[in-house]
Amino acid sequence: MDFWTVILILVAMSGLMGWFIVPFTSAVTWYCDWRDGNDINWGMDTAFTIAVPFAWLFSIFEIMLLYTP
């Protein structure tokens, strides 16, 4: 696995999962909910912001390592 493969995977994941916009918009909605006095559902937001992209990257890297000669 070379340098460009890693760069292309990071670019694809930031495009698919919205890595650069999701934390910002999540922070804005969390702040607005906090100011309105609403309870914040940390479970689903945290899962979709953090865990799901890392699961995608892990599976992609594992497949590439297993099937690359």
N, C-alpha and C. Protein backbone atom coordinates (compact mmCIF):
# COMPACT_ATOMS: atom_id res chain seq x y z
N MET A 1 0.85 -1.16 0.00
CA MET A 1 0.00 0.00 0.00
C MET A 1 0.90 1.23 0.00
N ASP A 2 0.72 2.07 -0.98
CA ASP A 2 1.61 3.22 -1.08
C ASP A 2 0.93 4.50 -0.58
N PHE A 3 1.65 5.57 -0.69
CA PHE A 3 1.21 6.86 -0.18
C PHE A 3 -0.07 7.33 -0.85
N TRP A 4 -0.16 7.16 -2.16
CA TRP A 4 -1.34 7.66 -2.89
C TRP A 4 -2.59 6.86 -2.59
N THR A 5 -2.44 5.60 -2.26
CA THR A 5 -3.61 4.81 -1.86
C THR A 5 -4.20 5.35 -0.57
N VAL A 6 -3.35 5.68 0.37
CA VAL A 6 -3.82 6.23 1.65
C VAL A 6 -4.49 7.58 1.41
N ILE A 7 -3.90 8.43 0.59
CA ILE A 7 -4.48 9.74 0.29
C ILE A 7 -5.84 9.58 -0.38
N LEU A 8 -5.94 8.68 -1.35
CA LEU A 8 -7.21 8.48 -2.05
C LEU A 8 -8.29 7.93 -1.13
N ILE A 9 -7.93 7.05 -0.21
CA ILE A 9 -8.91 6.53 0.75
C ILE A 9 -9.39 7.64 1.67
N LEU A 10 -8.48 8.47 2.16
CA LEU A 10 -8.89 9.58 3.02
C LEU A 10 -9.79 10.56 2.28
N VAL A 11 -9.48 10.84 1.03
CA VAL A 11 -10.33 11.73 0.24
C VAL A 11 -11.70 11.12 0.01
N ALA A 12 -11.74 9.84 -0.31
CA ALA A 12 -13.03 9.17 -0.52
C ALA A 12 -13.86 9.13 0.75
N MET A 13 -13.21 8.85 1.87
CA MET A 13 -13.95 8.79 3.12
C MET A 13 -14.44 10.17 3.55
N SER A 14 -13.66 11.19 3.32
CA SER A 14 -14.12 12.53 3.68
C SER A 14 -15.27 12.96 2.76
N GLY A 15 -15.27 12.47 1.54
CA GLY A 15 -16.39 12.77 0.65
C GLY A 15 -17.63 11.96 0.99
N LEU A 16 -17.45 10.67 1.28
CA LEU A 16 -18.60 9.81 1.58
C LEU A 16 -19.20 10.09 2.95
N MET A 17 -18.35 10.20 3.94
CA MET A 17 -18.84 10.33 5.31
C MET A 17 -18.94 11.77 5.77
N GLY A 18 -18.44 12.71 4.98
CA GLY A 18 -18.51 14.11 5.36
C GLY A 18 -17.69 14.44 6.58
N TRP A 19 -16.46 13.94 6.64
CA TRP A 19 -15.64 14.12 7.83
C TRP A 19 -15.39 15.57 8.17
N PHE A 20 -15.32 16.45 7.18
CA PHE A 20 -14.97 17.83 7.47
C PHE A 20 -16.18 18.66 7.86
N ILE A 21 -17.38 18.26 7.47
CA ILE A 21 -18.56 19.06 7.77
C ILE A 21 -19.36 18.49 8.93
N VAL A 22 -19.33 17.18 9.14
CA VAL A 22 -20.17 16.56 10.18
C VAL A 22 -19.81 17.04 11.59
N PRO A 23 -18.53 17.08 11.99
CA PRO A 23 -18.26 17.56 13.36
C PRO A 23 -18.71 19.00 13.58
N PHE A 24 -18.57 19.85 12.57
CA PHE A 24 -18.98 21.24 12.72
C PHE A 24 -20.50 21.35 12.86
N THR A 25 -21.23 20.67 11.98
CA THR A 25 -22.69 20.76 12.05
C THR A 25 -23.22 20.08 13.30
N SER A 26 -22.58 19.00 13.74
CA SER A 26 -23.01 18.35 14.97
C SER A 26 -22.78 19.27 16.16
N ALA A 27 -21.66 19.98 16.17
CA ALA A 27 -21.39 20.91 17.27
C ALA A 27 -22.41 22.04 17.28
N VAL A 28 -22.80 22.52 16.12
CA VAL A 28 -23.81 23.59 16.05
C VAL A 28 -25.15 23.09 16.56
N THR A 29 -25.57 21.91 16.13
CA THR A 29 -26.87 21.40 16.59
C THR A 29 -26.84 21.05 18.07
N TRP A 30 -25.70 20.53 18.57
CA TRP A 30 -25.60 20.25 20.01
C TRP A 30 -25.68 21.53 20.81
N TYR A 31 -25.02 22.60 20.35
CA TYR A 31 -25.06 23.87 21.06
C TYR A 31 -26.47 24.45 21.05
N CYS A 32 -27.13 24.38 19.90
CA CYS A 32 -28.50 24.90 19.82
C CYS A 32 -29.45 24.10 20.73
N ASP A 33 -29.30 22.79 20.76
CA ASP A 33 -30.12 21.98 21.66
C ASP A 33 -29.84 22.31 23.11
N TRP A 34 -28.57 22.53 23.44
CA TRP A 34 -28.20 22.87 24.81
C TRP A 34 -28.80 24.22 25.21
N ARG A 35 -28.76 25.19 24.29
CA ARG A 35 -29.32 26.51 24.60
C ARG A 35 -30.84 26.46 24.72
N ASP A 36 -31.49 25.57 23.98
CA ASP A 36 -32.94 25.43 24.05
C ASP A 36 -33.38 24.60 25.24
N GLY A 37 -32.45 23.93 25.91
CA GLY A 37 -32.78 23.11 27.05
C GLY A 37 -33.19 21.70 26.71
N ASN A 38 -32.94 21.27 25.47
CA ASN A 38 -33.29 19.91 25.05
C ASN A 38 -32.19 18.94 25.47
N ASP A 39 -32.58 17.70 25.71
CA ASP A 39 -31.60 16.65 25.99
C ASP A 39 -30.86 16.29 24.71
N ILE A 40 -29.57 16.03 24.84
CA ILE A 40 -28.75 15.68 23.68
C ILE A 40 -28.60 14.17 23.64
N ASN A 41 -28.92 13.58 22.50
CA ASN A 41 -28.76 12.14 22.30
C ASN A 41 -27.32 11.89 21.84
N TRP A 42 -26.45 11.60 22.79
CA TRP A 42 -25.04 11.43 22.47
C TRP A 42 -24.76 10.11 21.75
N GLY A 43 -25.60 9.12 21.91
CA GLY A 43 -25.32 7.81 21.34
C GLY A 43 -25.25 7.78 19.84
N MET A 44 -26.32 8.17 19.16
CA MET A 44 -26.36 8.08 17.70
C MET A 44 -25.44 9.10 17.05
N ASP A 45 -25.39 10.31 17.58
CA ASP A 45 -24.51 11.32 17.00
C ASP A 45 -23.05 10.90 17.09
N THR A 46 -22.66 10.38 18.23
CA THR A 46 -21.28 9.94 18.40
C THR A 46 -20.98 8.75 17.49
N ALA A 47 -21.92 7.84 17.36
CA ALA A 47 -21.70 6.66 16.52
C ALA A 47 -21.52 7.06 15.06
N PHE A 48 -22.38 7.92 14.56
CA PHE A 48 -22.29 8.28 13.15
C PHE A 48 -21.17 9.26 12.87
N THR A 49 -20.73 10.00 13.86
CA THR A 49 -19.64 10.95 13.65
C THR A 49 -18.28 10.28 13.77
N ILE A 50 -18.13 9.35 14.70
CA ILE A 50 -16.82 8.78 14.99
C ILE A 50 -16.70 7.32 14.60
N ALA A 51 -17.60 6.48 15.08
CA ALA A 51 -17.42 5.03 14.95
C ALA A 51 -17.61 4.53 13.52
N VAL A 52 -18.61 5.03 12.82
CA VAL A 52 -18.90 4.51 11.48
C VAL A 52 -17.77 4.79 10.50
N PRO A 53 -17.22 6.01 10.43
CA PRO A 53 -16.09 6.21 9.50
C PRO A 53 -14.87 5.35 9.82
N PHE A 54 -14.59 5.16 11.12
CA PHE A 54 -13.45 4.30 11.47
C PHE A 54 -13.73 2.84 11.12
N ALA A 55 -14.96 2.41 11.23
CA ALA A 55 -15.30 1.04 10.82
C ALA A 55 -15.11 0.87 9.32
N TRP A 56 -15.53 1.87 8.54
CA TRP A 56 -15.32 1.83 7.09
C TRP A 56 -13.84 1.78 6.76
N LEU A 57 -13.05 2.63 7.38
CA LEU A 57 -11.61 2.63 7.10
C LEU A 57 -10.96 1.32 7.50
N PHE A 58 -11.33 0.77 8.65
CA PHE A 58 -10.75 -0.50 9.07
C PHE A 58 -11.05 -1.59 8.06
N SER A 59 -12.30 -1.67 7.61
CA SER A 59 -12.66 -2.73 6.67
C SER A 59 -11.97 -2.54 5.32
N ILE A 60 -11.86 -1.31 4.85
CA ILE A 60 -11.19 -1.06 3.57
C ILE A 60 -9.71 -1.41 3.67
N PHE A 61 -9.04 -0.96 4.75
CA PHE A 61 -7.62 -1.28 4.90
C PHE A 61 -7.39 -2.77 5.05
N GLU A 62 -8.26 -3.44 5.77
CA GLU A 62 -8.10 -4.89 5.95
C GLU A 62 -8.25 -5.62 4.62
N ILE A 63 -9.23 -5.26 3.83
CA ILE A 63 -9.42 -5.89 2.53
C ILE A 63 -8.22 -5.62 1.63
N MET A 64 -7.73 -4.38 1.65
CA MET A 64 -6.56 -4.05 0.82
C MET A 64 -5.33 -4.83 1.27
N LEU A 65 -5.12 -4.97 2.57
CA LEU A 65 -3.96 -5.72 3.04
C LEU A 65 -4.05 -7.20 2.74
N LEU A 66 -5.26 -7.76 2.79
CA LEU A 66 -5.44 -9.19 2.53
C LEU A 66 -5.28 -9.54 1.06
N TYR A 67 -5.78 -8.65 0.17
CA TYR A 67 -5.84 -9.01 -1.24
C TYR A 67 -4.80 -8.30 -2.12
N THR A 68 -3.92 -7.52 -1.52
CA THR A 68 -2.86 -6.88 -2.30
C THR A 68 -1.66 -7.83 -2.32
N PRO A 69 -1.14 -8.08 -3.51
CA PRO A 69 -0.01 -9.03 -3.60
C PRO A 69 1.25 -8.52 -2.98
